[in-house]
């Protein structure tokens, strides 16, 4: 092989590897934010994929929680004060996860729908 062709071929191979790596990064998990407002979550119903994480941000004037309806066994953010955010809650399996605010009751509720990663 001609020495002058070797460098462009090597560059093209590196570019292909780099582009494949970028495509993999796009398919990785995401962090999604749910806002706590007055007595509601925004969005109220959230669709994500397996491996994604959710953080709840309190934009209200009172404290709130995001607690799964199974008495917090699946997730519980604990109390989030106004202007603060929860830790990330990572969803590792598909399903529909209903939740509410322990402080304000089940009238303040939401749902996280976790879909398989392949649908991303």
PDB file of N, CA and C in Angstrom:
ATOM      1  N   UNK A   1       0.852  -1.185   0.000  1.00  0.00           N
ATOM      2  CA  UNK A   1       0.000   0.000   0.000  1.00  0.00           C
ATOM      3  C   UNK A   1       0.891   1.239   0.000  1.00  0.00           C
ATOM      4  N   UNK A   2       0.490   2.203  -0.733  1.00  0.00           N
ATOM      5  CA  UNK A   2       1.225   3.455  -0.843  1.00  0.00           C
ATOM      6  C   UNK A   2       1.216   4.186   0.498  1.00  0.00           C
ATOM      7  N   UNK A   3       2.380   4.694   0.927  1.00  0.00           N
ATOM      8  CA  UNK A   3       2.484   5.410   2.206  1.00  0.00           C
ATOM      9  C   UNK A   3       1.581   6.630   2.238  1.00  0.00           C
ATOM     10  N   UNK A   4       1.349   7.247   1.127  1.00  0.00           N
ATOM     11  CA  UNK A   4       0.532   8.462   1.077  1.00  0.00           C
ATOM     12  C   UNK A   4      -0.960   8.156   1.273  1.00  0.00           C
ATOM     13  N   UNK A   5      -1.372   6.940   1.005  1.00  0.00           N
ATOM     14  CA  UNK A   5      -2.760   6.545   1.224  1.00  0.00           C
ATOM     15  C   UNK A   5      -3.013   6.104   2.654  1.00  0.00           C
ATOM     16  N   UNK A   6      -1.962   5.706   3.348  1.00  0.00           N
ATOM     17  CA  UNK A   6      -2.099   5.182   4.698  1.00  0.00           C
ATOM     18  C   UNK A   6      -2.668   6.221   5.663  1.00  0.00           C
ATOM     19  N   UNK A   7      -2.205   7.434   5.614  1.00  0.00           N
ATOM     20  CA  UNK A   7      -2.681   8.474   6.535  1.00  0.00           C
ATOM     21  C   UNK A   7      -4.168   8.795   6.323  1.00  0.00           C
ATOM     22  N   UNK A   8      -4.647   9.045   5.105  1.00  0.00           N
ATOM     23  CA  UNK A   8      -6.086   9.299   4.930  1.00  0.00           C
ATOM     24  C   UNK A   8      -6.961   8.110   5.350  1.00  0.00           C
ATOM     25  N   UNK A   9      -6.521   6.887   5.079  1.00  0.00           N
ATOM     26  CA  UNK A   9      -7.287   5.710   5.468  1.00  0.00           C
ATOM     27  C   UNK A   9      -7.357   5.618   6.991  1.00  0.00           C
ATOM     28  N   UNK A  10      -6.252   5.858   7.667  1.00  0.00           N
ATOM     29  CA  UNK A  10      -6.223   5.822   9.136  1.00  0.00           C
ATOM     30  C   UNK A  10      -7.134   6.900   9.704  1.00  0.00           C
ATOM     31  N   UNK A  11      -7.118   8.086   9.112  1.00  0.00           N
ATOM     32  CA  UNK A  11      -7.989   9.173   9.572  1.00  0.00           C
ATOM     33  C   UNK A  11      -9.457   8.817   9.395  1.00  0.00           C
ATOM     34  N   UNK A  12      -9.793   8.195   8.274  1.00  0.00           N
ATOM     35  CA  UNK A  12     -11.182   7.799   8.040  1.00  0.00           C
ATOM     36  C   UNK A  12     -11.621   6.732   9.041  1.00  0.00           C
ATOM     37  N   UNK A  13     -10.735   5.816   9.386  1.00  0.00           N
ATOM     38  CA  UNK A  13     -11.063   4.787  10.364  1.00  0.00           C
ATOM     39  C   UNK A  13     -11.283   5.405  11.745  1.00  0.00           C
ATOM     40  N   UNK A  14     -10.430   6.339  12.127  1.00  0.00           N
ATOM     41  CA  UNK A  14     -10.601   7.022  13.415  1.00  0.00           C
ATOM     42  C   UNK A  14     -11.904   7.806  13.438  1.00  0.00           C
ATOM     43  N   UNK A  15     -12.235   8.451  12.341  1.00  0.00           N
ATOM     44  CA  UNK A  15     -13.483   9.204  12.255  1.00  0.00           C
ATOM     45  C   UNK A  15     -14.682   8.271  12.416  1.00  0.00           C
ATOM     46  N   UNK A  16     -14.640   7.102  11.796  1.00  0.00           N
ATOM     47  CA  UNK A  16     -15.737   6.141  11.908  1.00  0.00           C
ATOM     48  C   UNK A  16     -15.899   5.669  13.349  1.00  0.00           C
ATOM     49  N   UNK A  17     -14.796   5.404  14.028  1.00  0.00           N
ATOM     50  CA  UNK A  17     -14.854   4.987  15.431  1.00  0.00           C
ATOM     51  C   UNK A  17     -15.431   6.100  16.289  1.00  0.00           C
ATOM     52  N   UNK A  18     -14.999   7.335  16.059  1.00  0.00           N
ATOM     53  CA  UNK A  18     -15.480   8.488  16.824  1.00  0.00           C
ATOM     54  C   UNK A  18     -16.987   8.691  16.608  1.00  0.00           C
ATOM     55  N   UNK A  19     -17.449   8.583  15.363  1.00  0.00           N
ATOM     56  CA  UNK A  19     -18.876   8.734  15.078  1.00  0.00           C
ATOM     57  C   UNK A  19     -19.702   7.634  15.738  1.00  0.00           C
ATOM     58  N   UNK A  20     -19.196   6.425  15.762  1.00  0.00           N
ATOM     59  CA  UNK A  20     -19.895   5.323  16.434  1.00  0.00           C
ATOM     60  C   UNK A  20     -19.979   5.588  17.934  1.00  0.00           C
ATOM     61  N   UNK A  21     -18.904   6.119  18.502  1.00  0.00           N
ATOM     62  CA  UNK A  21     -18.893   6.458  19.928  1.00  0.00           C
ATOM     63  C   UNK A  21     -19.930   7.540  20.226  1.00  0.00           C
ATOM     64  N   UNK A  22     -20.026   8.549  19.377  1.00  0.00           N
ATOM     65  CA  UNK A  22     -21.018   9.616  19.566  1.00  0.00           C
ATOM     66  C   UNK A  22     -22.439   9.052  19.512  1.00  0.00           C
ATOM     67  N   UNK A  23     -22.680   8.130  18.600  1.00  0.00           N
ATOM     68  CA  UNK A  23     -24.008   7.528  18.485  1.00  0.00           C
ATOM     69  C   UNK A  23     -24.355   6.753  19.757  1.00  0.00           C
ATOM     70  N   UNK A  24     -23.370   6.057  20.320  1.00  0.00           N
ATOM     71  CA  UNK A  24     -23.587   5.346  21.590  1.00  0.00           C
ATOM     72  C   UNK A  24     -23.928   6.321  22.703  1.00  0.00           C
ATOM     73  N   UNK A  25     -23.282   7.465  22.744  1.00  0.00           N
ATOM     74  CA  UNK A  25     -23.540   8.455  23.798  1.00  0.00           C
ATOM     75  C   UNK A  25     -24.977   8.963  23.723  1.00  0.00           C
ATOM     76  N   UNK A  26     -25.519   9.095  22.526  1.00  0.00           N
ATOM     77  CA  UNK A  26     -26.900   9.544  22.359  1.00  0.00           C
ATOM     78  C   UNK A  26     -27.881   8.536  22.940  1.00  0.00           C
ATOM     79  N   UNK A  27     -27.544   7.245  22.871  1.00  0.00           N
ATOM     80  CA  UNK A  27     -28.441   6.190  23.338  1.00  0.00           C
ATOM     81  C   UNK A  27     -28.358   5.975  24.850  1.00  0.00           C
ATOM     82  N   UNK A  28     -27.399   6.643  25.511  1.00  0.00           N
ATOM     83  CA  UNK A  28     -27.256   6.470  26.952  1.00  0.00           C
ATOM     84  C   UNK A  28     -28.425   7.080  27.706  1.00  0.00           C
ATOM     85  N   UNK A  29     -28.514   6.730  28.966  1.00  0.00           N
ATOM     86  CA  UNK A  29     -29.591   7.197  29.832  1.00  0.00           C
ATOM     87  C   UNK A  29     -29.588   8.725  29.956  1.00  0.00           C
ATOM     88  N   UNK A  30     -30.769   9.247  30.260  1.00  0.00           N
ATOM     89  CA  UNK A  30     -30.951  10.684  30.409  1.00  0.00           C
ATOM     90  C   UNK A  30     -31.387  11.020  31.825  1.00  0.00           C
ATOM     91  N   UNK A  31     -31.189  12.279  32.194  1.00  0.00           N
ATOM     92  CA  UNK A  31     -31.705  12.814  33.451  1.00  0.00           C
ATOM     93  C   UNK A  31     -32.857  13.750  33.102  1.00  0.00           C
ATOM     94  N   UNK A  32     -34.024  13.498  33.688  1.00  0.00           N
ATOM     95  CA  UNK A  32     -35.226  14.269  33.388  1.00  0.00           C
ATOM     96  C   UNK A  32     -35.671  14.980  34.652  1.00  0.00           C
ATOM     97  N   UNK A  33     -36.139  16.222  34.500  1.00  0.00           N
ATOM     98  CA  UNK A  33     -36.576  17.012  35.639  1.00  0.00           C
ATOM     99  C   UNK A  33     -38.094  17.112  35.674  1.00  0.00           C
ATOM    100  N   UNK A  34     -38.659  16.886  36.873  1.00  0.00           N
ATOM    101  CA  UNK A  34     -40.077  17.109  37.126  1.00  0.00           C
ATOM    102  C   UNK A  34     -40.148  18.289  38.092  1.00  0.00           C
ATOM    103  N   UNK A  35     -40.960  19.267  37.764  1.00  0.00           N
ATOM    104  CA  UNK A  35     -41.114  20.441  38.621  1.00  0.00           C
ATOM    105  C   UNK A  35     -42.289  20.253  39.570  1.00  0.00           C
ATOM    106  N   UNK A  36     -42.067  20.647  40.809  1.00  0.00           N
ATOM    107  CA  UNK A  36     -43.131  20.636  41.812  1.00  0.00           C
ATOM    108  C   UNK A  36     -43.654  22.056  41.896  1.00  0.00           C
ATOM    109  N   UNK A  37     -44.941  22.202  41.606  1.00  0.00           N
ATOM    110  CA  UNK A  37     -45.571  23.515  41.634  1.00  0.00           C
ATOM    111  C   UNK A  37     -46.770  23.432  42.557  1.00  0.00           C
ATOM    112  N   UNK A  38     -47.023  24.458  43.298  1.00  0.00           N
ATOM    113  CA  UNK A  38     -48.180  24.524  44.184  1.00  0.00           C
ATOM    114  C   UNK A  38     -48.540  23.139  44.696  1.00  0.00           C
ATOM    115  N   UNK A  39     -49.578  22.522  44.153  1.00  0.00           N
ATOM    116  CA  UNK A  39     -49.982  21.177  44.568  1.00  0.00           C
ATOM    117  C   UNK A  39     -50.004  20.217  43.382  1.00  0.00           C
ATOM    118  N   UNK A  40     -49.004  20.337  42.498  1.00  0.00           N
ATOM    119  CA  UNK A  40     -48.962  19.463  41.329  1.00  0.00           C
ATOM    120  C   UNK A  40     -47.522  19.221  40.878  1.00  0.00           C
ATOM    121  N   UNK A  41     -47.378  18.190  40.048  1.00  0.00           N
ATOM    122  CA  UNK A  41     -46.099  17.870  39.408  1.00  0.00           C
ATOM    123  C   UNK A  41     -46.219  18.229  37.933  1.00  0.00           C
ATOM    124  N   UNK A  42     -45.130  18.720  37.363  1.00  0.00           N
ATOM    125  CA  UNK A  42     -45.130  19.091  35.960  1.00  0.00           C
ATOM    126  C   UNK A  42     -43.898  18.496  35.287  1.00  0.00           C
ATOM    127  N   UNK A  43     -44.057  17.500  34.422  1.00  0.00           N
ATOM    128  CA  UNK A  43     -45.311  16.933  33.957  1.00  0.00           C
ATOM    129  C   UNK A  43     -45.892  15.960  34.986  1.00  0.00           C
ATOM    130  N   UNK A  44     -47.192  15.807  34.923  1.00  0.00           N
ATOM    131  CA  UNK A  44     -47.878  14.898  35.841  1.00  0.00           C
ATOM    132  C   UNK A  44     -47.629  13.442  35.450  1.00  0.00           C
ATOM    133  N   UNK A  45     -47.598  13.192  34.123  1.00  0.00           N
ATOM    134  CA  UNK A  45     -47.266  11.856  33.618  1.00  0.00           C
ATOM    135  C   UNK A  45     -46.001  11.992  32.788  1.00  0.00           C
ATOM    136  N   UNK A  46     -45.016  11.202  33.147  1.00  0.00           N
ATOM    137  CA  UNK A  46     -43.701  11.281  32.515  1.00  0.00           C
ATOM    138  C   UNK A  46     -43.377   9.933  31.891  1.00  0.00           C
ATOM    139  N   UNK A  47     -42.957   9.932  30.633  1.00  0.00           N
ATOM    140  CA  UNK A  47     -42.519   8.707  29.968  1.00  0.00           C
ATOM    141  C   UNK A  47     -41.017   8.759  29.787  1.00  0.00           C
ATOM    142  N   UNK A  48     -40.337   7.738  30.311  1.00  0.00           N
ATOM    143  CA  UNK A  48     -38.891   7.651  30.223  1.00  0.00           C
ATOM    144  C   UNK A  48     -38.515   6.240  29.783  1.00  0.00           C
ATOM    145  N   UNK A  49     -37.215   5.953  29.743  1.00  0.00           N
ATOM    146  CA  UNK A  49     -36.729   4.636  29.358  1.00  0.00           C
ATOM    147  C   UNK A  49     -35.920   4.020  30.492  1.00  0.00           C
ATOM    148  N   UNK A  50     -35.833   2.702  30.476  1.00  0.00           N
ATOM    149  CA  UNK A  50     -35.038   1.992  31.466  1.00  0.00           C
ATOM    150  C   UNK A  50     -33.635   2.594  31.502  1.00  0.00           C
ATOM    151  N   UNK A  51     -33.158   2.893  32.689  1.00  0.00           N
ATOM    152  CA  UNK A  51     -31.829   3.490  32.859  1.00  0.00           C
ATOM    153  C   UNK A  51     -31.854   4.993  33.018  1.00  0.00           C
ATOM    154  N   UNK A  52     -32.980   5.638  32.668  1.00  0.00           N
ATOM    155  CA  UNK A  52     -33.090   7.089  32.842  1.00  0.00           C
ATOM    156  C   UNK A  52     -33.275   7.411  34.319  1.00  0.00           C
ATOM    157  N   UNK A  53     -32.929   8.644  34.675  1.00  0.00           N
ATOM    158  CA  UNK A  53     -33.082   9.118  36.044  1.00  0.00           C
ATOM    159  C   UNK A  53     -33.971  10.350  36.067  1.00  0.00           C
ATOM    160  N   UNK A  54     -34.695  10.505  37.181  1.00  0.00           N
ATOM    161  CA  UNK A  54     -35.586  11.647  37.367  1.00  0.00           C
ATOM    162  C   UNK A  54     -35.132  12.424  38.593  1.00  0.00           C
ATOM    163  N   UNK A  55     -35.181  13.745  38.485  1.00  0.00           N
ATOM    164  CA  UNK A  55     -34.924  14.623  39.622  1.00  0.00           C
ATOM    165  C   UNK A  55     -36.150  15.526  39.768  1.00  0.00           C
ATOM    166  N   UNK A  56     -36.618  15.698  40.990  1.00  0.00           N
ATOM    167  CA  UNK A  56     -37.758  16.568  41.263  1.00  0.00           C
ATOM    168  C   UNK A  56     -37.230  17.883  41.818  1.00  0.00           C
ATOM    169  N   UNK A  57     -37.695  18.995  41.231  1.00  0.00           N
ATOM    170  CA  UNK A  57     -37.284  20.329  41.641  1.00  0.00           C
ATOM    171  C   UNK A  57     -38.490  21.059  42.206  1.00  0.00           C
ATOM    172  N   UNK A  58     -38.357  21.574  43.422  1.00  0.00           N
ATOM    173  CA  UNK A  58     -39.470  22.230  44.101  1.00  0.00           C
ATOM    174  C   UNK A  58     -39.489  23.716  43.773  1.00  0.00           C
ATOM    175  N   UNK A  59     -40.496  24.129  43.021  1.00  0.00           N
ATOM    176  CA  UNK A  59     -40.677  25.532  42.671  1.00  0.00           C
ATOM    177  C   UNK A  59     -41.853  26.147  43.432  1.00  0.00           C
ATOM    178  N   UNK A  60     -42.326  25.441  44.444  1.00  0.00           N
ATOM    179  CA  UNK A  60     -43.463  25.917  45.232  1.00  0.00           C
ATOM    180  C   UNK A  60     -42.962  26.653  46.473  1.00  0.00           C
ATOM    181  N   UNK A  61     -43.903  27.111  47.278  1.00  0.00           N
ATOM    182  CA  UNK A  61     -43.554  27.831  48.508  1.00  0.00           C
ATOM    183  C   UNK A  61     -43.527  26.934  49.735  1.00  0.00           C
ATOM    184  N   UNK A  62     -43.922  25.667  49.556  1.00  0.00           N
ATOM    185  CA  UNK A  62     -43.913  24.722  50.668  1.00  0.00           C
ATOM    186  C   UNK A  62     -43.115  23.486  50.277  1.00  0.00           C
ATOM    187  N   UNK A  63     -42.738  22.702  51.256  1.00  0.00           N
ATOM    188  CA  UNK A  63     -41.994  21.467  51.009  1.00  0.00           C
ATOM    189  C   UNK A  63     -42.905  20.419  50.373  1.00  0.00           C
ATOM    190  N   UNK A  64     -42.299  19.523  49.591  1.00  0.00           N
ATOM    191  CA  UNK A  64     -43.007  18.430  48.942  1.00  0.00           C
ATOM    192  C   UNK A  64     -42.129  17.186  48.983  1.00  0.00           C
ATOM    193  N   UNK A  65     -42.731  16.056  48.640  1.00  0.00           N
ATOM    194  CA  UNK A  65     -41.984  14.824  48.391  1.00  0.00           C
ATOM    195  C   UNK A  65     -42.481  14.230  47.083  1.00  0.00           C
ATOM    196  N   UNK A  66     -41.749  13.269  46.580  1.00  0.00           N
ATOM    197  CA  UNK A  66     -42.210  12.393  45.498  1.00  0.00           C
ATOM    198  C   UNK A  66     -42.000  10.987  46.038  1.00  0.00           C
ATOM    199  N   UNK A  67     -43.099  10.347  46.434  1.00  0.00           N
ATOM    200  CA  UNK A  67     -43.042   9.062  47.120  1.00  0.00           C
ATOM    201  C   UNK A  67     -43.893   8.046  46.364  1.00  0.00           C
ATOM    202  N   UNK A  68     -43.292   6.930  45.981  1.00  0.00           N
ATOM    203  CA  UNK A  68     -44.038   5.910  45.241  1.00  0.00           C
ATOM    204  C   UNK A  68     -45.218   5.421  46.069  1.00  0.00           C
ATOM    205  N   UNK A  69     -46.300   5.062  45.372  1.00  0.00           N
ATOM    206  CA  UNK A  69     -47.535   4.649  46.043  1.00  0.00           C
ATOM    207  C   UNK A  69     -47.421   3.322  46.794  1.00  0.00           C
ATOM    208  N   UNK A  70     -46.292   2.641  46.668  1.00  0.00           N
ATOM    209  CA  UNK A  70     -46.083   1.405  47.432  1.00  0.00           C
ATOM    210  C   UNK A  70     -45.393   1.721  48.764  1.00  0.00           C
ATOM    211  N   UNK A  71     -45.823   2.820  49.357  1.00  0.00           N
ATOM    212  CA  UNK A  71     -45.305   3.309  50.640  1.00  0.00           C
ATOM    213  C   UNK A  71     -43.818   3.654  50.570  1.00  0.00           C
ATOM    214  N   UNK A  72     -43.384   4.090  49.388  1.00  0.00           N
ATOM    215  CA  UNK A  72     -42.006   4.524  49.219  1.00  0.00           C
ATOM    216  C   UNK A  72     -40.996   3.419  49.014  1.00  0.00           C
ATOM    217  N   UNK A  73     -41.451   2.195  48.789  1.00  0.00           N
ATOM    218  CA  UNK A  73     -40.507   1.087  48.595  1.00  0.00           C
ATOM    219  C   UNK A  73     -39.731   1.236  47.287  1.00  0.00           C
ATOM    220  N   UNK A  74     -40.398   1.730  46.237  1.00  0.00           N
ATOM    221  CA  UNK A  74     -39.734   1.898  44.948  1.00  0.00           C
ATOM    222  C   UNK A  74     -38.850   3.146  44.954  1.00  0.00           C
ATOM    223  N   UNK A  75     -39.387   4.261  45.424  1.00  0.00           N
ATOM    224  CA  UNK A  75     -38.576   5.477  45.578  1.00  0.00           C
ATOM    225  C   UNK A  75     -39.263   6.441  46.529  1.00  0.00           C
ATOM    226  N   UNK A  76     -38.467   7.268  47.166  1.00  0.00           N
ATOM    227  CA  UNK A  76     -38.955   8.314  48.068  1.00  0.00           C
ATOM    228  C   UNK A  76     -37.886   9.395  48.121  1.00  0.00           C
ATOM    229  N   UNK A  77     -38.232  10.578  47.660  1.00  0.00           N
ATOM    230  CA  UNK A  77     -37.254  11.670  47.628  1.00  0.00           C
ATOM    231  C   UNK A  77     -37.014  12.290  48.998  1.00  0.00           C
ATOM    232  N   UNK A  78     -37.826  11.935  49.973  1.00  0.00           N
ATOM    233  CA  UNK A  78     -37.845  12.629  51.253  1.00  0.00           C
ATOM    234  C   UNK A  78     -38.277  14.072  50.996  1.00  0.00           C
ATOM    235  N   UNK A  79     -38.289  14.873  52.026  1.00  0.00           N
ATOM    236  CA  UNK A  79     -38.783  16.249  51.914  1.00  0.00           C
ATOM    237  C   UNK A  79     -37.830  17.111  51.092  1.00  0.00           C
ATOM    238  N   UNK A  80     -38.421  17.812  50.125  1.00  0.00           N
ATOM    239  CA  UNK A  80     -37.650  18.732  49.280  1.00  0.00           C
ATOM    240  C   UNK A  80     -38.139  20.137  49.596  1.00  0.00           C
ATOM    241  N   UNK A  81     -37.273  20.962  50.106  1.00  0.00           N
ATOM    242  CA  UNK A  81     -37.646  22.322  50.489  1.00  0.00           C
ATOM    243  C   UNK A  81     -37.791  23.206  49.249  1.00  0.00           C
ATOM    244  N   UNK A  82     -38.522  24.320  49.377  1.00  0.00           N
ATOM    245  CA  UNK A  82     -38.667  25.250  48.239  1.00  0.00           C
ATOM    246  C   UNK A  82     -37.305  25.670  47.687  1.00  0.00           C
ATOM    247  N   UNK A  83     -37.205  25.655  46.353  1.00  0.00           N
ATOM    248  CA  UNK A  83     -35.972  26.066  45.688  1.00  0.00           C
ATOM    249  C   UNK A  83     -34.909  24.981  45.616  1.00  0.00           C
ATOM    250  N   UNK A  84     -35.186  23.801  46.176  1.00  0.00           N
ATOM    251  CA  UNK A  84     -34.203  22.723  46.166  1.00  0.00           C
ATOM    252  C   UNK A  84     -34.655  21.585  45.255  1.00  0.00           C
ATOM    253  N   UNK A  85     -33.747  20.632  45.031  1.00  0.00           N
ATOM    254  CA  UNK A  85     -34.034  19.480  44.172  1.00  0.00           C
ATOM    255  C   UNK A  85     -33.715  18.188  44.909  1.00  0.00           C
ATOM    256  N   UNK A  86     -34.346  17.124  44.445  1.00  0.00           N
ATOM    257  CA  UNK A  86     -34.084  15.801  45.008  1.00  0.00           C
ATOM    258  C   UNK A  86     -32.783  15.253  44.443  1.00  0.00           C
ATOM    259  N   UNK A  87     -32.349  14.147  45.007  1.00  0.00           N
ATOM    260  CA  UNK A  87     -31.274  13.376  44.389  1.00  0.00           C
ATOM    261  C   UNK A  87     -31.876  12.683  43.177  1.00  0.00           C
ATOM    262  N   UNK A  88     -31.027  12.245  42.270  1.00  0.00           N
ATOM    263  CA  UNK A  88     -31.503  11.514  41.096  1.00  0.00           C
ATOM    264  C   UNK A  88     -32.113  10.186  41.521  1.00  0.00           C
ATOM    265  N   UNK A  89     -33.238   9.840  40.921  1.00  0.00           N
ATOM    266  CA  UNK A  89     -33.873   8.539  41.126  1.00  0.00           C
ATOM    267  C   UNK A  89     -33.768   7.808  39.791  1.00  0.00           C
ATOM    268  N   UNK A  90     -32.999   6.729  39.778  1.00  0.00           N
ATOM    269  CA  UNK A  90     -32.770   5.971  38.546  1.00  0.00           C
ATOM    270  C   UNK A  90     -33.788   4.830  38.454  1.00  0.00           C
ATOM    271  N   UNK A  91     -34.391   4.679  37.280  1.00  0.00           N
ATOM    272  CA  UNK A  91     -35.388   3.640  37.045  1.00  0.00           C
ATOM    273  C   UNK A  91     -34.747   2.513  36.237  1.00  0.00           C
ATOM    274  N   UNK A  92     -34.600   1.358  36.883  1.00  0.00           N
ATOM    275  CA  UNK A  92     -33.873   0.228  36.298  1.00  0.00           C
ATOM    276  C   UNK A  92     -34.768  -0.804  35.624  1.00  0.00           C
ATOM    277  N   UNK A  93     -36.092  -0.708  35.831  1.00  0.00           N
ATOM    278  CA  UNK A  93     -36.974  -1.689  35.198  1.00  0.00           C
ATOM    279  C   UNK A  93     -38.192  -0.980  34.627  1.00  0.00           C
ATOM    280  N   UNK A  94     -38.770  -1.606  33.595  1.00  0.00           N
ATOM    281  CA  UNK A  94     -39.933  -0.998  32.956  1.00  0.00           C
ATOM    282  C   UNK A  94     -41.178  -1.193  33.806  1.00  0.00           C
ATOM    283  N   UNK A  95     -42.149  -0.334  33.569  1.00  0.00           N
ATOM    284  CA  UNK A  95     -43.405  -0.408  34.301  1.00  0.00           C
ATOM    285  C   UNK A  95     -43.999   0.972  34.491  1.00  0.00           C
ATOM    286  N   UNK A  96     -45.106   1.003  35.214  1.00  0.00           N
ATOM    287  CA  UNK A  96     -45.789   2.271  35.507  1.00  0.00           C
ATOM    288  C   UNK A  96     -45.702   2.487  37.016  1.00  0.00           C
ATOM    289  N   UNK A  97     -45.114   3.604  37.417  1.00  0.00           N
ATOM    290  CA  UNK A  97     -44.876   3.884  38.820  1.00  0.00           C
ATOM    291  C   UNK A  97     -45.651   5.139  39.232  1.00  0.00           C
ATOM    292  N   UNK A  98     -46.686   4.932  40.012  1.00  0.00           N
ATOM    293  CA  UNK A  98     -47.500   6.046  40.503  1.00  0.00           C
ATOM    294  C   UNK A  98     -46.868   6.560  41.794  1.00  0.00           C
ATOM    295  N   UNK A  99     -46.972   7.875  42.001  1.00  0.00           N
ATOM    296  CA  UNK A  99     -46.385   8.468  43.196  1.00  0.00           C
ATOM    297  C   UNK A  99     -47.219   9.651  43.660  1.00  0.00           C
ATOM    298  N   UNK A 100     -46.910  10.142  44.853  1.00  0.00           N
ATOM    299  CA  UNK A 100     -47.657  11.252  45.447  1.00  0.00           C
ATOM    300  C   UNK A 100     -46.750  12.014  46.412  1.00  0.00           C
ATOM    301  N   UNK A 101     -47.280  13.090  46.955  1.00  0.00           N
ATOM    302  CA  UNK A 101     -46.577  13.880  47.971  1.00  0.00           C
ATOM    303  C   UNK A 101     -47.049  13.408  49.344  1.00  0.00           C
ATOM    304  N   UNK A 102     -46.120  12.952  50.170  1.00  0.00           N
ATOM    305  CA  UNK A 102     -46.493  12.493  51.520  1.00  0.00           C
ATOM    306  C   UNK A 102     -47.060  13.634  52.362  1.00  0.00           C
ATOM    307  N   UNK A 103     -46.659  14.845  52.081  1.00  0.00           N
ATOM    308  CA  UNK A 103     -47.103  15.998  52.877  1.00  0.00           C
ATOM    309  C   UNK A 103     -48.526  16.398  52.505  1.00  0.00           C
ATOM    310  N   UNK A 104     -48.834  16.401  51.204  1.00  0.00           N
ATOM    311  CA  UNK A 104     -50.125  16.902  50.729  1.00  0.00           C
ATOM    312  C   UNK A 104     -51.106  15.807  50.320  1.00  0.00           C
ATOM    313  N   UNK A 105     -50.709  14.562  50.415  1.00  0.00           N
ATOM    314  CA  UNK A 105     -51.625  13.463  50.126  1.00  0.00           C
ATOM    315  C   UNK A 105     -51.685  13.083  48.659  1.00  0.00           C
ATOM    316  N   UNK A 106     -52.513  12.097  48.384  1.00  0.00           N
ATOM    317  CA  UNK A 106     -52.586  11.533  47.038  1.00  0.00           C
ATOM    318  C   UNK A 106     -53.318  12.409  46.034  1.00  0.00           C
ATOM    319  N   UNK A 107     -53.849  13.552  46.473  1.00  0.00           N
ATOM    320  CA  UNK A 107     -54.430  14.487  45.495  1.00  0.00           C
ATOM    321  C   UNK A 107     -53.309  15.168  44.700  1.00  0.00           C
ATOM    322  N   UNK A 108     -52.104  15.192  45.259  1.00  0.00           N
ATOM    323  CA  UNK A 108     -50.922  15.666  44.531  1.00  0.00           C
ATOM    324  C   UNK A 108     -50.198  14.404  44.069  1.00  0.00           C
ATOM    325  N   UNK A 109     -50.434  14.023  42.799  1.00  0.00           N
ATOM    326  CA  UNK A 109     -49.918  12.739  42.328  1.00  0.00           C
ATOM    327  C   UNK A 109     -49.332  12.837  40.936  1.00  0.00           C
ATOM    328  N   UNK A 110     -48.584  11.824  40.590  1.00  0.00           N
ATOM    329  CA  UNK A 110     -47.978  11.742  39.270  1.00  0.00           C
ATOM    330  C   UNK A 110     -47.692  10.304  38.912  1.00  0.00           C
ATOM    331  N   UNK A 111     -47.235  10.095  37.684  1.00  0.00           N
ATOM    332  CA  UNK A 111     -46.914   8.758  37.191  1.00  0.00           C
ATOM    333  C   UNK A 111     -45.647   8.821  36.355  1.00  0.00           C
ATOM    334  N   UNK A 112     -44.766   7.854  36.577  1.00  0.00           N
ATOM    335  CA  UNK A 112     -43.588   7.678  35.731  1.00  0.00           C
ATOM    336  C   UNK A 112     -43.779   6.371  34.982  1.00  0.00           C
ATOM    337  N   UNK A 113     -43.814   6.460  33.659  1.00  0.00           N
ATOM    338  CA  UNK A 113     -43.949   5.274  32.803  1.00  0.00           C
ATOM    339  C   UNK A 113     -42.563   4.984  32.235  1.00  0.00           C
ATOM    340  N   UNK A 114     -42.041   3.805  32.560  1.00  0.00           N
ATOM    341  CA  UNK A 114     -40.698   3.427  32.123  1.00  0.00           C
ATOM    342  C   UNK A 114     -40.823   2.402  31.011  1.00  0.00           C
ATOM    343  N   UNK A 115     -40.296   2.763  29.851  1.00  0.00           N
ATOM    344  CA  UNK A 115     -40.354   1.907  28.657  1.00  0.00           C
ATOM    345  C   UNK A 115     -39.011   1.210  28.435  1.00  0.00           C
ATOM    346  N   UNK A 116     -39.017   0.129  27.672  1.00  0.00           N
ATOM    347  CA  UNK A 116     -37.742  -0.549  27.378  1.00  0.00           C
ATOM    348  C   UNK A 116     -36.776   0.383  26.652  1.00  0.00           C
ATOM    349  N   UNK A 117     -35.509   0.183  26.854  1.00  0.00           N
ATOM    350  CA  UNK A 117     -34.470   1.012  26.237  1.00  0.00           C
ATOM    351  C   UNK A 117     -34.530   0.957  24.721  1.00  0.00           C
ATOM    352  N   UNK A 118     -34.918  -0.161  24.146  1.00  0.00           N
ATOM    353  CA  UNK A 118     -34.956  -0.328  22.692  1.00  0.00           C
ATOM    354  C   UNK A 118     -35.886   0.674  22.021  1.00  0.00           C
ATOM    355  N   UNK A 119     -36.872   1.211  22.746  1.00  0.00           N
ATOM    356  CA  UNK A 119     -37.819   2.159  22.152  1.00  0.00           C
ATOM    357  C   UNK A 119     -37.276   3.575  22.132  1.00  0.00           C
ATOM    358  N   UNK A 120     -36.084   3.794  22.626  1.00  0.00           N
ATOM    359  CA  UNK A 120     -35.514   5.130  22.754  1.00  0.00           C
ATOM    360  C   UNK A 120     -35.353   5.832  21.446  1.00  0.00           C
TER     361      UNK A 120
END
